[in-house]
Amino acid sequence: MDNQLVSVIMPSYNTAHLIRESIDSVLNQTYTNFELIIIDDCSTDNTDEVVAEYKDSRIVYLKNEEHGGAAVSRNHGLREAKGKWVAFLDSDDLWTEDKLSKQVAFMNEFGYNFSYTNYEKIDEQGNSLNCVVSGPKKISKRKMRKYCWIGCLTVMYDREHVGLIQIENIQKNNDYAMWLKVCKKADCYLLNENLAKYRKGRTGSIRTIKTSRLITWYYKMYRLCEKKLVITAWYCTFRNVFFGVLKKIIYEKRK
């Protein structure tokens, strides 16, 4: 159903050297009825100039009043979204050209309100790392609490069914906090195809942070976003670590 508008949420901060490729991967979609909402978080590079090169009316360029992080940017974009479907793509990641068409068709065919796909890992220069990440065929609310099985760049959900999602302003894992909220409204289903490319290893990204700091951020997410008691938050955090190891064993495969 090509008449169903897809709102693509793209937070951006100092990725001028990469965002052009990400924007192009959206504009090159075979599914053309979308709005690309780019939310710049007070970048100090030339992101403005790069985005200004595009004259496509489907691009909406917003700027935060002050630097607030990815959670603030995603909240900003979600408030502006007008589409039936919401999808997410960070400003350093990529989609295959048929990602939207296949995912919209998949959700309409089976009546799903929340879905995700497989993705491939690439390095900062865009070279394949020969690793494809998948996940469970169905993720319930209970299963989502155990671990963030899904890659943000692969997600799509029905905004009309789920409603407006706004997340707490936490520095990291804010995408996981979002999926926990969405999963309260709809189970998540896997479209078992590789339709995205996840850029791993960019300096300063969460993908290069030490495990000890990641554990702290998961704890904060459970405490602040899920309102768990201290002991419950720590239990959920270490359970998360266990399932993270399990995911690497079961769902990360060499090409």
Protein backbone atom coordinates (compact mmCIF):
# COMPACT_ATOMS: atom_id res chain seq x y z
CA MET A 1 0.00 0.00 0.00
CA ASP A 2 2.13 2.85 -1.33
CA ASN A 3 -0.37 5.45 -0.10
CA GLN A 4 0.64 4.85 3.55
CA LEU A 5 3.07 7.54 4.67
CA VAL A 6 6.23 6.41 6.49
CA SER A 7 7.90 8.86 8.88
CA VAL A 8 11.65 8.23 9.02
CA ILE A 9 13.29 9.60 12.17
CA MET A 10 16.99 10.49 11.77
CA PRO A 11 18.81 12.07 14.75
CA SER A 12 22.06 13.78 13.80
CA TYR A 13 25.08 15.09 15.68
CA ASN A 14 28.39 15.90 14.01
CA THR A 15 28.03 13.31 11.25
CA ALA A 16 28.44 15.62 8.25
CA HIS A 17 31.00 13.20 6.78
CA LEU A 18 28.51 10.33 6.89
CA ILE A 19 24.98 11.74 6.78
CA ARG A 20 24.91 12.22 3.01
CA GLU A 21 25.20 8.47 2.48
CA SER A 22 22.45 7.84 5.05
CA ILE A 23 20.12 10.39 3.45
CA ASP A 24 20.76 8.91 0.00
CA SER A 25 19.87 5.43 1.26
CA VAL A 26 16.45 6.82 2.23
CA LEU A 27 15.90 8.84 -0.94
CA ASN A 28 16.80 5.79 -3.04
CA GLN A 29 14.03 3.67 -1.53
CA THR A 30 11.70 1.95 -3.99
CA TYR A 31 8.90 2.93 -1.60
CA THR A 32 8.57 6.66 -2.19
CA ASN A 33 5.80 7.84 0.13
CA PHE A 34 7.86 8.90 3.14
CA GLU A 35 8.96 11.94 5.06
CA LEU A 36 12.55 12.02 6.27
CA ILE A 37 12.68 13.97 9.53
CA ILE A 38 16.28 14.92 10.34
CA ILE A 39 16.76 16.31 13.84
CA ASP A 40 20.10 18.04 14.30
CA ASP A 41 21.30 18.19 17.91
CA CYS A 42 23.30 21.45 17.64
CA SER A 43 26.09 19.97 15.50
CA THR A 44 29.33 21.93 15.39
CA ASP A 45 30.39 20.61 11.96
CA ASN A 46 28.92 21.45 8.54
CA THR A 47 25.84 19.22 8.77
CA ASP A 48 23.67 22.26 7.87
CA GLU A 49 25.51 22.70 4.58
CA VAL A 50 25.28 19.03 3.67
CA VAL A 51 21.52 18.84 4.29
CA ALA A 52 20.96 22.15 2.47
CA GLU A 53 22.26 20.54 -0.73
CA TYR A 54 19.07 18.45 -0.88
CA LYS A 55 15.99 20.05 -2.44
CA ASP A 56 13.65 17.10 -1.92
CA SER A 57 10.36 18.24 -0.35
CA ARG A 58 10.14 14.98 1.61
CA ILE A 59 13.06 16.08 3.82
CA VAL A 60 12.12 17.94 7.01
CA TYR A 61 15.12 19.47 8.78
CA LEU A 62 14.68 20.34 12.46
CA LYS A 63 17.18 21.68 14.97
CA ASN A 64 17.09 21.29 18.74
CA GLU A 65 17.30 24.55 20.66
CA GLU A 66 20.17 23.15 22.71
CA HIS A 67 22.28 20.00 22.69
CA GLY A 68 20.26 17.29 24.43
CA GLY A 69 21.26 13.89 23.07
CA ALA A 70 19.59 11.21 20.95
CA ALA A 71 16.56 10.80 23.24
CA VAL A 72 15.67 14.49 22.93
CA SER A 73 16.14 14.33 19.15
CA ARG A 74 14.00 11.22 18.73
CA ASN A 75 11.27 12.71 20.93
CA HIS A 76 11.36 15.88 18.81
CA GLY A 77 11.06 13.91 15.58
CA LEU A 78 8.26 11.71 16.89
CA ARG A 79 6.21 14.76 17.86
CA GLU A 80 6.47 16.01 14.27
CA ALA A 81 5.81 12.66 12.57
CA LYS A 82 2.67 12.45 10.43
CA GLY A 83 2.96 8.96 8.95
CA LYS A 84 1.01 5.82 9.70
CA TRP A 85 4.34 4.04 10.03
CA VAL A 86 7.42 5.19 11.94
CA ALA A 87 10.91 3.98 11.05
CA PHE A 88 14.34 4.93 12.41
CA LEU A 89 17.74 5.42 10.80
CA ASP A 90 20.73 6.98 12.55
CA SER A 91 22.75 9.44 10.50
CA ASP A 92 25.66 7.02 10.05
CA ASP A 93 23.69 3.87 9.15
CA LEU A 94 22.23 2.66 5.84
CA TRP A 95 19.25 0.86 4.32
CA THR A 96 18.98 -1.36 1.27
CA GLU A 97 16.78 0.26 -1.37
CA ASP A 98 13.85 -2.14 -0.80
CA LYS A 99 13.79 -1.87 3.02
CA LEU A 100 10.64 0.22 3.32
CA SER A 101 8.68 -1.52 0.57
CA LYS A 102 9.34 -4.99 1.99
CA GLN A 103 8.65 -4.00 5.58
CA VAL A 104 5.40 -2.14 4.86
CA ALA A 105 4.20 -5.10 2.77
CA PHE A 106 5.20 -7.55 5.52
CA MET A 107 3.28 -5.66 8.19
CA ASN A 108 0.19 -5.16 6.06
CA GLU A 109 0.12 -8.79 4.95
CA PHE A 110 0.16 -10.20 8.48
CA GLY A 111 -1.51 -7.33 10.33
CA TYR A 112 1.56 -6.57 12.47
CA ASN A 113 1.97 -3.28 14.32
CA PHE A 114 5.66 -3.61 15.24
CA SER A 115 8.49 -5.29 13.32
CA TYR A 116 12.21 -5.41 12.71
CA THR A 117 14.65 -6.93 10.21
CA ASN A 118 18.13 -8.41 10.06
CA TYR A 119 21.10 -6.11 9.50
CA GLU A 120 24.72 -6.34 8.42
CA LYS A 121 27.64 -4.80 10.32
CA ILE A 122 29.98 -2.45 8.44
CA ASP A 123 33.05 -0.52 9.57
CA GLU A 124 33.42 3.28 9.66
CA GLN A 125 34.51 3.32 6.01
CA GLY A 126 31.45 1.29 4.96
CA ASN A 127 33.25 -2.01 4.39
CA SER A 128 31.39 -5.18 5.29
CA LEU A 129 32.45 -6.92 8.50
CA ASN A 130 30.86 -10.12 7.15
CA CYS A 131 28.45 -10.40 10.08
CA VAL A 132 24.65 -10.48 9.84
CA VAL A 133 22.56 -10.02 12.99
CA SER A 134 19.10 -11.52 13.34
CA GLY A 135 16.86 -12.22 16.34
CA PRO A 136 13.79 -14.05 17.64
CA LYS A 137 10.82 -14.48 15.28
CA LYS A 138 8.48 -12.93 17.85
CA ILE A 139 9.32 -10.66 20.78
CA SER A 140 6.68 -10.24 23.46
CA LYS A 141 6.70 -7.58 26.17
CA ARG A 142 8.20 -10.12 28.57
CA LYS A 143 10.91 -11.15 26.12
CA MET A 144 11.80 -7.54 25.30
CA ARG A 145 12.46 -6.88 29.00
CA LYS A 146 15.21 -9.50 28.90
CA TYR A 147 17.25 -7.86 26.15
CA CYS A 148 17.17 -5.32 23.32
CA TRP A 149 17.03 -7.90 20.54
CA ILE A 150 16.38 -5.43 17.74
CA GLY A 151 18.54 -2.95 15.87
CA CYS A 152 17.14 0.59 15.89
CA LEU A 153 17.84 1.03 12.16
CA THR A 154 15.54 -1.91 11.34
CA VAL A 155 12.45 -1.00 13.37
CA MET A 156 9.04 0.01 12.07
CA TYR A 157 5.84 0.43 14.04
CA ASP A 158 2.28 1.60 13.45
CA ARG A 159 2.01 5.09 14.94
CA GLU A 160 -1.78 5.03 14.77
CA HIS A 161 -1.92 1.85 16.86
CA VAL A 162 0.92 2.60 19.28
CA GLY A 163 0.32 6.34 19.73
CA LEU A 164 2.88 9.01 20.51
CA ILE A 165 5.96 7.59 22.23
CA GLN A 166 8.20 9.88 24.30
CA ILE A 167 11.14 8.58 26.30
CA GLU A 168 13.07 9.84 29.29
CA ASN A 169 16.19 11.85 28.55
CA ILE A 170 18.81 9.21 29.22
CA GLN A 171 22.23 9.39 27.55
CA LYS A 172 22.36 5.84 26.22
CA ASN A 173 19.98 2.93 25.56
CA ASN A 174 17.18 5.39 24.80
CA ASP A 175 16.19 3.27 21.79
CA TYR A 176 15.77 0.25 24.07
CA ALA A 177 13.62 2.37 26.40
CA MET A 178 11.47 3.16 23.37
CA TRP A 179 10.99 -0.47 22.34
CA LEU A 180 9.97 -1.37 25.89
CA LYS A 181 7.20 1.22 25.61
CA VAL A 182 6.12 0.13 22.13
CA CYS A 183 6.08 -3.54 23.19
CA LYS A 184 3.46 -2.71 25.79
CA LYS A 185 1.14 -1.98 22.85
CA ALA A 186 2.27 -4.60 20.30
CA ASP A 187 4.43 -7.69 19.96
CA CYS A 188 7.42 -7.34 17.64
CA TYR A 189 7.93 -9.66 14.64
CA LEU A 190 11.02 -10.42 12.58
CA LEU A 191 11.14 -9.91 8.83
CA ASN A 192 13.92 -12.40 8.25
CA GLU A 193 15.82 -10.49 5.55
CA ASN A 194 18.98 -8.38 5.70
CA LEU A 195 17.72 -4.88 4.86
CA ALA A 196 20.09 -2.53 6.69
CA LYS A 197 23.75 -1.78 7.41
CA TYR A 198 24.91 -0.85 10.91
CA ARG A 199 28.10 1.20 11.11
CA LYS A 200 30.20 -0.21 13.93
CA GLY A 201 33.20 1.43 15.59
CA ARG A 202 32.66 5.14 14.93
CA THR A 203 34.71 7.07 17.51
CA GLY A 204 32.55 8.24 20.42
CA SER A 205 29.55 6.10 19.55
CA ILE A 206 27.96 3.64 21.97
CA ARG A 207 29.44 0.92 19.80
CA THR A 208 32.94 1.74 21.13
CA ILE A 209 32.09 2.13 24.84
CA LYS A 210 33.57 -0.20 27.50
CA THR A 211 31.37 -2.95 28.92
CA SER A 212 31.52 -1.54 32.47
CA ARG A 213 29.99 1.75 31.31
CA LEU A 214 27.36 -0.08 29.27
CA ILE A 215 26.29 -2.01 32.38
CA THR A 216 25.88 1.28 34.26
CA TRP A 217 23.76 2.72 31.48
CA TYR A 218 21.53 -0.35 31.37
CA TYR A 219 21.01 -0.03 35.11
CA LYS A 220 20.04 3.64 34.72
CA MET A 221 17.63 2.77 31.95
CA TYR A 222 15.81 0.20 34.09
CA ARG A 223 15.74 2.58 37.06
CA LEU A 224 14.73 5.79 35.28
CA CYS A 225 12.64 4.55 32.37
CA GLU A 226 11.12 1.35 33.70
CA LYS A 227 10.93 2.65 37.31
CA LYS A 228 12.39 -0.55 38.74
CA LEU A 229 13.50 -0.85 42.35
CA VAL A 230 17.27 -0.87 42.89
CA ILE A 231 17.60 -4.62 43.38
CA THR A 232 15.24 -5.33 40.45
CA ALA A 233 17.14 -2.93 38.22
CA TRP A 234 20.42 -4.70 38.98
CA TYR A 235 18.80 -8.09 38.37
CA CYS A 236 17.45 -6.91 35.01
CA THR A 237 20.86 -5.45 34.13
CA PHE A 238 22.81 -8.67 34.70
CA ARG A 239 20.07 -10.70 33.03
CA ASN A 240 20.51 -8.36 30.09
CA VAL A 241 24.24 -9.11 30.01
CA PHE A 242 23.51 -12.85 29.93
CA PHE A 243 21.08 -12.55 27.04
CA GLY A 244 23.50 -10.24 25.24
CA VAL A 245 26.07 -13.04 25.21
CA LEU A 246 23.36 -15.48 24.11
CA LYS A 247 22.38 -13.21 21.22
CA LYS A 248 25.95 -13.14 19.92
CA ILE A 249 26.09 -16.93 19.99
CA ILE A 250 22.70 -17.61 18.42
CA TYR A 251 21.86 -14.65 16.21
CA GLU A 252 25.16 -13.22 14.93
CA LYS A 253 26.34 -15.19 11.92
CA ARG A 254 29.34 -14.84 9.63
CA LYS A 255 28.45 -14.31 5.99
